[in-house]
Amino acid sequence: MAELLVGDSSCLALADAGGSVIWRWVSEPMLRDTLDDLSVVEGFNFGEEFVGTNGLIRSPAARWARST
């Protein structure tokens, strides 16, 4: 996927079930600096309870599967 996004000012990020960023790939150095300034970095938690309604949330199906 990353090869398709090179030169497109894109970011790919993976977060765990709790909303913590566990991996990030950035196509452009300038975008990397901006994302660093915005704390879009490994270890930062984007869970809804921390960053509000624009946070990462698990889908209802994922919540249900985890509770069973």
PDB file of N, CA and C in Angstrom:
ATOM      1  N   MET A   1       0.822  -1.187   0.000  1.00  0.00           N
ATOM      2  CA  MET A   1       0.000   0.000   0.000  1.00  0.00           C
ATOM      3  C   MET A   1       0.868   1.254   0.000  1.00  0.00           C
ATOM      4  N   ALA A   2       1.948   1.239   0.765  1.00  0.00           N
ATOM      5  CA  ALA A   2       2.808   2.420   0.866  1.00  0.00           C
ATOM      6  C   ALA A   2       3.351   2.833  -0.498  1.00  0.00           C
ATOM      7  N   GLU A   3       3.700   1.865  -1.327  1.00  0.00           N
ATOM      8  CA  GLU A   3       4.235   2.190  -2.652  1.00  0.00           C
ATOM      9  C   GLU A   3       3.227   2.990  -3.481  1.00  0.00           C
ATOM     10  N   LEU A   4       1.951   2.727  -3.312  1.00  0.00           N
ATOM     11  CA  LEU A   4       0.915   3.452  -4.052  1.00  0.00           C
ATOM     12  C   LEU A   4       0.764   4.896  -3.578  1.00  0.00           C
ATOM     13  N   LEU A   5       1.199   5.169  -2.369  1.00  0.00           N
ATOM     14  CA  LEU A   5       0.981   6.488  -1.774  1.00  0.00           C
ATOM     15  C   LEU A   5       2.207   7.401  -1.804  1.00  0.00           C
ATOM     16  N   VAL A   6       3.341   6.906  -2.243  1.00  0.00           N
ATOM     17  CA  VAL A   6       4.549   7.726  -2.286  1.00  0.00           C
ATOM     18  C   VAL A   6       4.290   8.961  -3.140  1.00  0.00           C
ATOM     19  N   GLY A   7       4.651  10.129  -2.604  1.00  0.00           N
ATOM     20  CA  GLY A   7       4.481  11.384  -3.317  1.00  0.00           C
ATOM     21  C   GLY A   7       3.075  11.938  -3.263  1.00  0.00           C
ATOM     22  N   ASP A   8       2.210  11.350  -2.450  1.00  0.00           N
ATOM     23  CA  ASP A   8       0.807  11.753  -2.398  1.00  0.00           C
ATOM     24  C   ASP A   8       0.444  12.476  -1.105  1.00  0.00           C
ATOM     25  N   SER A   9       1.432  12.903  -0.335  1.00  0.00           N
ATOM     26  CA  SER A   9       1.191  13.556   0.963  1.00  0.00           C
ATOM     27  C   SER A   9       0.213  12.752   1.809  1.00  0.00           C
ATOM     28  N   SER A  10       0.563  11.502   2.034  1.00  0.00           N
ATOM     29  CA  SER A  10      -0.319  10.592   2.760  1.00  0.00           C
ATOM     30  C   SER A  10       0.359  10.031   3.989  1.00  0.00           C
ATOM     31  N   CYS A  11      -0.475   9.573   4.898  1.00  0.00           N
ATOM     32  CA  CYS A  11      -0.013   8.911   6.108  1.00  0.00           C
ATOM     33  C   CYS A  11      -0.840   7.658   6.300  1.00  0.00           C
ATOM     34  N   LEU A  12      -0.184   6.593   6.679  1.00  0.00           N
ATOM     35  CA  LEU A  12      -0.855   5.378   7.108  1.00  0.00           C
ATOM     36  C   LEU A  12      -0.510   5.185   8.572  1.00  0.00           C
ATOM     37  N   ALA A  13      -1.495   4.866   9.363  1.00  0.00           N
ATOM     38  CA  ALA A  13      -1.241   4.624  10.778  1.00  0.00           C
ATOM     39  C   ALA A  13      -2.078   3.439  11.231  1.00  0.00           C
ATOM     40  N   LEU A  14      -1.511   2.642  12.124  1.00  0.00           N
ATOM     41  CA  LEU A  14      -2.219   1.536  12.743  1.00  0.00           C
ATOM     42  C   LEU A  14      -2.341   1.832  14.226  1.00  0.00           C
ATOM     43  N   ALA A  15      -3.510   1.552  14.757  1.00  0.00           N
ATOM     44  CA  ALA A  15      -3.737   1.743  16.187  1.00  0.00           C
ATOM     45  C   ALA A  15      -4.235   0.438  16.779  1.00  0.00           C
ATOM     46  N   ASP A  16      -3.947   0.235  18.062  1.00  0.00           N
ATOM     47  CA  ASP A  16      -4.464  -0.954  18.726  1.00  0.00           C
ATOM     48  C   ASP A  16      -5.922  -0.730  19.128  1.00  0.00           C
ATOM     49  N   ALA A  17      -6.517  -1.715  19.747  1.00  0.00           N
ATOM     50  CA  ALA A  17      -7.935  -1.641  20.117  1.00  0.00           C
ATOM     51  C   ALA A  17      -8.245  -0.492  21.058  1.00  0.00           C
ATOM     52  N   GLY A  18      -7.257  -0.031  21.811  1.00  0.00           N
ATOM     53  CA  GLY A  18      -7.477   1.079  22.730  1.00  0.00           C
ATOM     54  C   GLY A  18      -7.251   2.440  22.119  1.00  0.00           C
ATOM     55  N   GLY A  19      -6.820   2.507  20.861  1.00  0.00           N
ATOM     56  CA  GLY A  19      -6.614   3.785  20.186  1.00  0.00           C
ATOM     57  C   GLY A  19      -5.181   4.280  20.183  1.00  0.00           C
ATOM     58  N   SER A  20      -4.240   3.484  20.696  1.00  0.00           N
ATOM     59  CA  SER A  20      -2.838   3.898  20.699  1.00  0.00           C
ATOM     60  C   SER A  20      -2.189   3.598  19.356  1.00  0.00           C
ATOM     61  N   VAL A  21      -1.498   4.586  18.816  1.00  0.00           N
ATOM     62  CA  VAL A  21      -0.803   4.401  17.547  1.00  0.00           C
ATOM     63  C   VAL A  21       0.358   3.436  17.772  1.00  0.00           C
ATOM     64  N   ILE A  22       0.392   2.356  16.978  1.00  0.00           N
ATOM     65  CA  ILE A  22       1.466   1.374  17.124  1.00  0.00           C
ATOM     66  C   ILE A  22       2.408   1.370  15.929  1.00  0.00           C
ATOM     67  N   TRP A  23       2.011   2.026  14.828  1.00  0.00           N
ATOM     68  CA  TRP A  23       2.857   2.096  13.636  1.00  0.00           C
ATOM     69  C   TRP A  23       2.388   3.266  12.791  1.00  0.00           C
ATOM     70  N   ARG A  24       3.358   3.938  12.161  1.00  0.00           N
ATOM     71  CA  ARG A  24       3.023   5.067  11.283  1.00  0.00           C
ATOM     72  C   ARG A  24       3.992   5.107  10.122  1.00  0.00           C
ATOM     73  N   TRP A  25       3.467   5.385   8.934  1.00  0.00           N
ATOM     74  CA  TRP A  25       4.262   5.585   7.727  1.00  0.00           C
ATOM     75  C   TRP A  25       3.817   6.897   7.106  1.00  0.00           C
ATOM     76  N   VAL A  26       4.791   7.728   6.702  1.00  0.00           N
ATOM     77  CA  VAL A  26       4.492   9.030   6.110  1.00  0.00           C
ATOM     78  C   VAL A  26       5.254   9.160   4.805  1.00  0.00           C
ATOM     79  N   SER A  27       4.585   9.676   3.778  1.00  0.00           N
ATOM     80  CA  SER A  27       5.187   9.746   2.445  1.00  0.00           C
ATOM     81  C   SER A  27       6.123  10.932   2.253  1.00  0.00           C
ATOM     82  N   GLU A  28       5.896  12.019   2.955  1.00  0.00           N
ATOM     83  CA  GLU A  28       6.644  13.257   2.725  1.00  0.00           C
ATOM     84  C   GLU A  28       7.277  13.754   4.027  1.00  0.00           C
ATOM     85  N   PRO A  29       8.547  14.172   3.981  1.00  0.00           N
ATOM     86  CA  PRO A  29       9.197  14.685   5.196  1.00  0.00           C
ATOM     87  C   PRO A  29       8.447  15.869   5.832  1.00  0.00           C
ATOM     88  N   MET A  30       7.907  16.768   5.024  1.00  0.00           N
ATOM     89  CA  MET A  30       7.187  17.916   5.583  1.00  0.00           C
ATOM     90  C   MET A  30       5.926  17.468   6.324  1.00  0.00           C
ATOM     91  N   LEU A  31       5.234  16.481   5.773  1.00  0.00           N
ATOM     92  CA  LEU A  31       4.054  15.928   6.441  1.00  0.00           C
ATOM     93  C   LEU A  31       4.452  15.229   7.728  1.00  0.00           C
ATOM     94  N   ARG A  32       5.587  14.565   7.722  1.00  0.00           N
ATOM     95  CA  ARG A  32       6.080  13.898   8.933  1.00  0.00           C
ATOM     96  C   ARG A  32       6.256  14.905  10.065  1.00  0.00           C
ATOM     97  N   ASP A  33       6.852  16.046   9.762  1.00  0.00           N
ATOM     98  CA  ASP A  33       7.039  17.078  10.785  1.00  0.00           C
ATOM     99  C   ASP A  33       5.709  17.589  11.316  1.00  0.00           C
ATOM    100  N   THR A  34       4.752  17.781  10.420  1.00  0.00           N
ATOM    101  CA  THR A  34       3.430  18.260  10.835  1.00  0.00           C
ATOM    102  C   THR A  34       2.751  17.245  11.744  1.00  0.00           C
ATOM    103  N   LEU A  35       2.807  15.977  11.365  1.00  0.00           N
ATOM    104  CA  LEU A  35       2.187  14.943  12.183  1.00  0.00           C
ATOM    105  C   LEU A  35       2.890  14.799  13.531  1.00  0.00           C
ATOM    106  N   ASP A  36       4.200  14.947  13.546  1.00  0.00           N
ATOM    107  CA  ASP A  36       4.926  14.943  14.820  1.00  0.00           C
ATOM    108  C   ASP A  36       4.425  16.073  15.718  1.00  0.00           C
ATOM    109  N   ASP A  37       4.265  17.262  15.140  1.00  0.00           N
ATOM    110  CA  ASP A  37       3.772  18.410  15.910  1.00  0.00           C
ATOM    111  C   ASP A  37       2.365  18.171  16.449  1.00  0.00           C
ATOM    112  N   LEU A  38       1.559  17.386  15.717  1.00  0.00           N
ATOM    113  CA  LEU A  38       0.186  17.090  16.124  1.00  0.00           C
ATOM    114  C   LEU A  38       0.079  15.839  16.994  1.00  0.00           C
ATOM    115  N   SER A  39       1.214  15.266  17.356  1.00  0.00           N
ATOM    116  CA  SER A  39       1.306  14.063  18.199  1.00  0.00           C
ATOM    117  C   SER A  39       0.774  12.806  17.534  1.00  0.00           C
ATOM    118  N   VAL A  40       0.732  12.762  16.210  1.00  0.00           N
ATOM    119  CA  VAL A  40       0.367  11.538  15.512  1.00  0.00           C
ATOM    120  C   VAL A  40       1.638  10.697  15.429  1.00  0.00           C
ATOM    121  N   VAL A  41       2.003  10.138  16.578  1.00  0.00           N
ATOM    122  CA  VAL A  41       3.249   9.395  16.717  1.00  0.00           C
ATOM    123  C   VAL A  41       2.966   8.083  17.443  1.00  0.00           C
ATOM    124  N   GLU A  42       3.868   7.129  17.284  1.00  0.00           N
ATOM    125  CA  GLU A  42       3.726   5.854  17.981  1.00  0.00           C
ATOM    126  C   GLU A  42       3.637   6.094  19.483  1.00  0.00           C
ATOM    127  N   GLY A  43       2.653   5.453  20.091  1.00  0.00           N
ATOM    128  CA  GLY A  43       2.456   5.578  21.531  1.00  0.00           C
ATOM    129  C   GLY A  43       1.377   6.563  21.928  1.00  0.00           C
ATOM    130  N   PHE A  44       1.065   7.527  21.060  1.00  0.00           N
ATOM    131  CA  PHE A  44       0.016   8.489  21.407  1.00  0.00           C
ATOM    132  C   PHE A  44      -1.334   7.800  21.323  1.00  0.00           C
ATOM    133  N   ASN A  45      -2.228   8.119  22.259  1.00  0.00           N
ATOM    134  CA  ASN A  45      -3.537   7.490  22.291  1.00  0.00           C
ATOM    135  C   ASN A  45      -4.588   8.424  21.719  1.00  0.00           C
ATOM    136  N   PHE A  46      -5.206   7.979  20.631  1.00  0.00           N
ATOM    137  CA  PHE A  46      -6.266   8.731  19.974  1.00  0.00           C
ATOM    138  C   PHE A  46      -7.643   8.189  20.322  1.00  0.00           C
ATOM    139  N   GLY A  47      -7.749   7.523  21.464  1.00  0.00           N
ATOM    140  CA  GLY A  47      -9.046   7.019  21.898  1.00  0.00           C
ATOM    141  C   GLY A  47     -10.017   8.171  22.102  1.00  0.00           C
ATOM    142  N   GLU A  48     -11.280   7.910  21.817  1.00  0.00           N
ATOM    143  CA  GLU A  48     -12.299   8.950  21.901  1.00  0.00           C
ATOM    144  C   GLU A  48     -12.345   9.605  23.281  1.00  0.00           C
ATOM    145  N   GLU A  49     -12.063   8.826  24.316  1.00  0.00           N
ATOM    146  CA  GLU A  49     -12.114   9.388  25.670  1.00  0.00           C
ATOM    147  C   GLU A  49     -10.995  10.401  25.922  1.00  0.00           C
ATOM    148  N   PHE A  50      -9.953  10.396  25.084  1.00  0.00           N
ATOM    149  CA  PHE A  50      -8.831  11.322  25.257  1.00  0.00           C
ATOM    150  C   PHE A  50      -8.875  12.511  24.307  1.00  0.00           C
ATOM    151  N   VAL A  51      -9.337  12.305  23.079  1.00  0.00           N
ATOM    152  CA  VAL A  51      -9.295  13.387  22.090  1.00  0.00           C
ATOM    153  C   VAL A  51     -10.667  13.832  21.613  1.00  0.00           C
ATOM    154  N   GLY A  52     -11.726  13.277  22.162  1.00  0.00           N
ATOM    155  CA  GLY A  52     -13.069  13.715  21.793  1.00  0.00           C
ATOM    156  C   GLY A  52     -13.655  12.931  20.630  1.00  0.00           C
ATOM    157  N   THR A  53     -14.671  13.510  20.031  1.00  0.00           N
ATOM    158  CA  THR A  53     -15.455  12.786  19.033  1.00  0.00           C
ATOM    159  C   THR A  53     -14.707  12.497  17.740  1.00  0.00           C
ATOM    160  N   ASN A  54     -13.552  13.108  17.525  1.00  0.00           N
ATOM    161  CA  ASN A  54     -12.744  12.781  16.348  1.00  0.00           C
ATOM    162  C   ASN A  54     -11.736  11.691  16.642  1.00  0.00           C
ATOM    163  N   GLY A  55     -11.826  11.092  17.815  1.00  0.00           N
ATOM    164  CA  GLY A  55     -10.904  10.037  18.188  1.00  0.00           C
ATOM    165  C   GLY A  55     -11.208   8.734  17.477  1.00  0.00           C
ATOM    166  N   LEU A  56     -10.298   7.799  17.629  1.00  0.00           N
ATOM    167  CA  LEU A  56     -10.483   6.468  17.065  1.00  0.00           C
ATOM    168  C   LEU A  56     -11.363   5.660  17.992  1.00  0.00           C
ATOM    169  N   ILE A  57     -12.318   4.967  17.426  1.00  0.00           N
ATOM    170  CA  ILE A  57     -13.155   4.090  18.235  1.00  0.00           C
ATOM    171  C   ILE A  57     -13.210   2.729  17.569  1.00  0.00           C
ATOM    172  N   ARG A  58     -13.439   1.727  18.364  1.00  0.00           N
ATOM    173  CA  ARG A  58     -13.634   0.391  17.803  1.00  0.00           C
ATOM    174  C   ARG A  58     -15.043   0.312  17.252  1.00  0.00           C
ATOM    175  N   SER A  59     -15.205  -0.485  16.244  1.00  0.00           N
ATOM    176  CA  SER A  59     -16.536  -0.687  15.686  1.00  0.00           C
ATOM    177  C   SER A  59     -17.390  -1.423  16.712  1.00  0.00           C
ATOM    178  N   PRO A  60     -18.708  -1.265  16.640  1.00  0.00           N
ATOM    179  CA  PRO A  60     -19.581  -2.016  17.557  1.00  0.00           C
ATOM    180  C   PRO A  60     -19.339  -3.517  17.462  1.00  0.00           C
ATOM    181  N   ALA A  61     -19.065  -4.036  16.275  1.00  0.00           N
ATOM    182  CA  ALA A  61     -18.804  -5.469  16.113  1.00  0.00           C
ATOM    183  C   ALA A  61     -17.552  -5.882  16.866  1.00  0.00           C
ATOM    184  N   ALA A  62     -16.519  -5.056  16.829  1.00  0.00           N
ATOM    185  CA  ALA A  62     -15.272  -5.361  17.539  1.00  0.00           C
ATOM    186  C   ALA A  62     -15.498  -5.322  19.038  1.00  0.00           C
ATOM    187  N   ARG A  63     -16.286  -4.373  19.522  1.00  0.00           N
ATOM    188  CA  ARG A  63     -16.589  -4.316  20.964  1.00  0.00           C
ATOM    189  C   ARG A  63     -17.363  -5.548  21.390  1.00  0.00           C
ATOM    190  N   TRP A  64     -18.328  -5.960  20.574  1.00  0.00           N
ATOM    191  CA  TRP A  64     -19.140  -7.130  20.900  1.00  0.00           C
ATOM    192  C   TRP A  64     -18.274  -8.379  20.932  1.00  0.00           C
ATOM    193  N   ALA A  65     -17.410  -8.543  19.946  1.00  0.00           N
ATOM    194  CA  ALA A  65     -16.559  -9.737  19.874  1.00  0.00           C
ATOM    195  C   ALA A  65     -15.648  -9.830  21.075  1.00  0.00           C
ATOM    196  N   ARG A  66     -15.166  -8.702  21.543  1.00  0.00           N
ATOM    197  CA  ARG A  66     -14.236  -8.695  22.671  1.00  0.00           C
ATOM    198  C   ARG A  66     -14.951  -9.017  23.976  1.00  0.00           C
ATOM    199  N   SER A  67     -16.243  -8.672  24.079  1.00  0.00           N
ATOM    200  CA  SER A  67     -16.975  -8.890  25.315  1.00  0.00           C
ATOM    201  C   SER A  67     -17.507 -10.315  25.455  1.00  0.00           C
ATOM    202  N   THR A  68     -17.435 -11.105  24.378  1.00  0.00           N
ATOM    203  CA  THR A  68     -17.961 -12.470  24.452  1.00  0.00           C
ATOM    204  C   THR A  68     -16.877 -13.465  24.742  1.00  0.00           C
TER     205      THR A  68
END
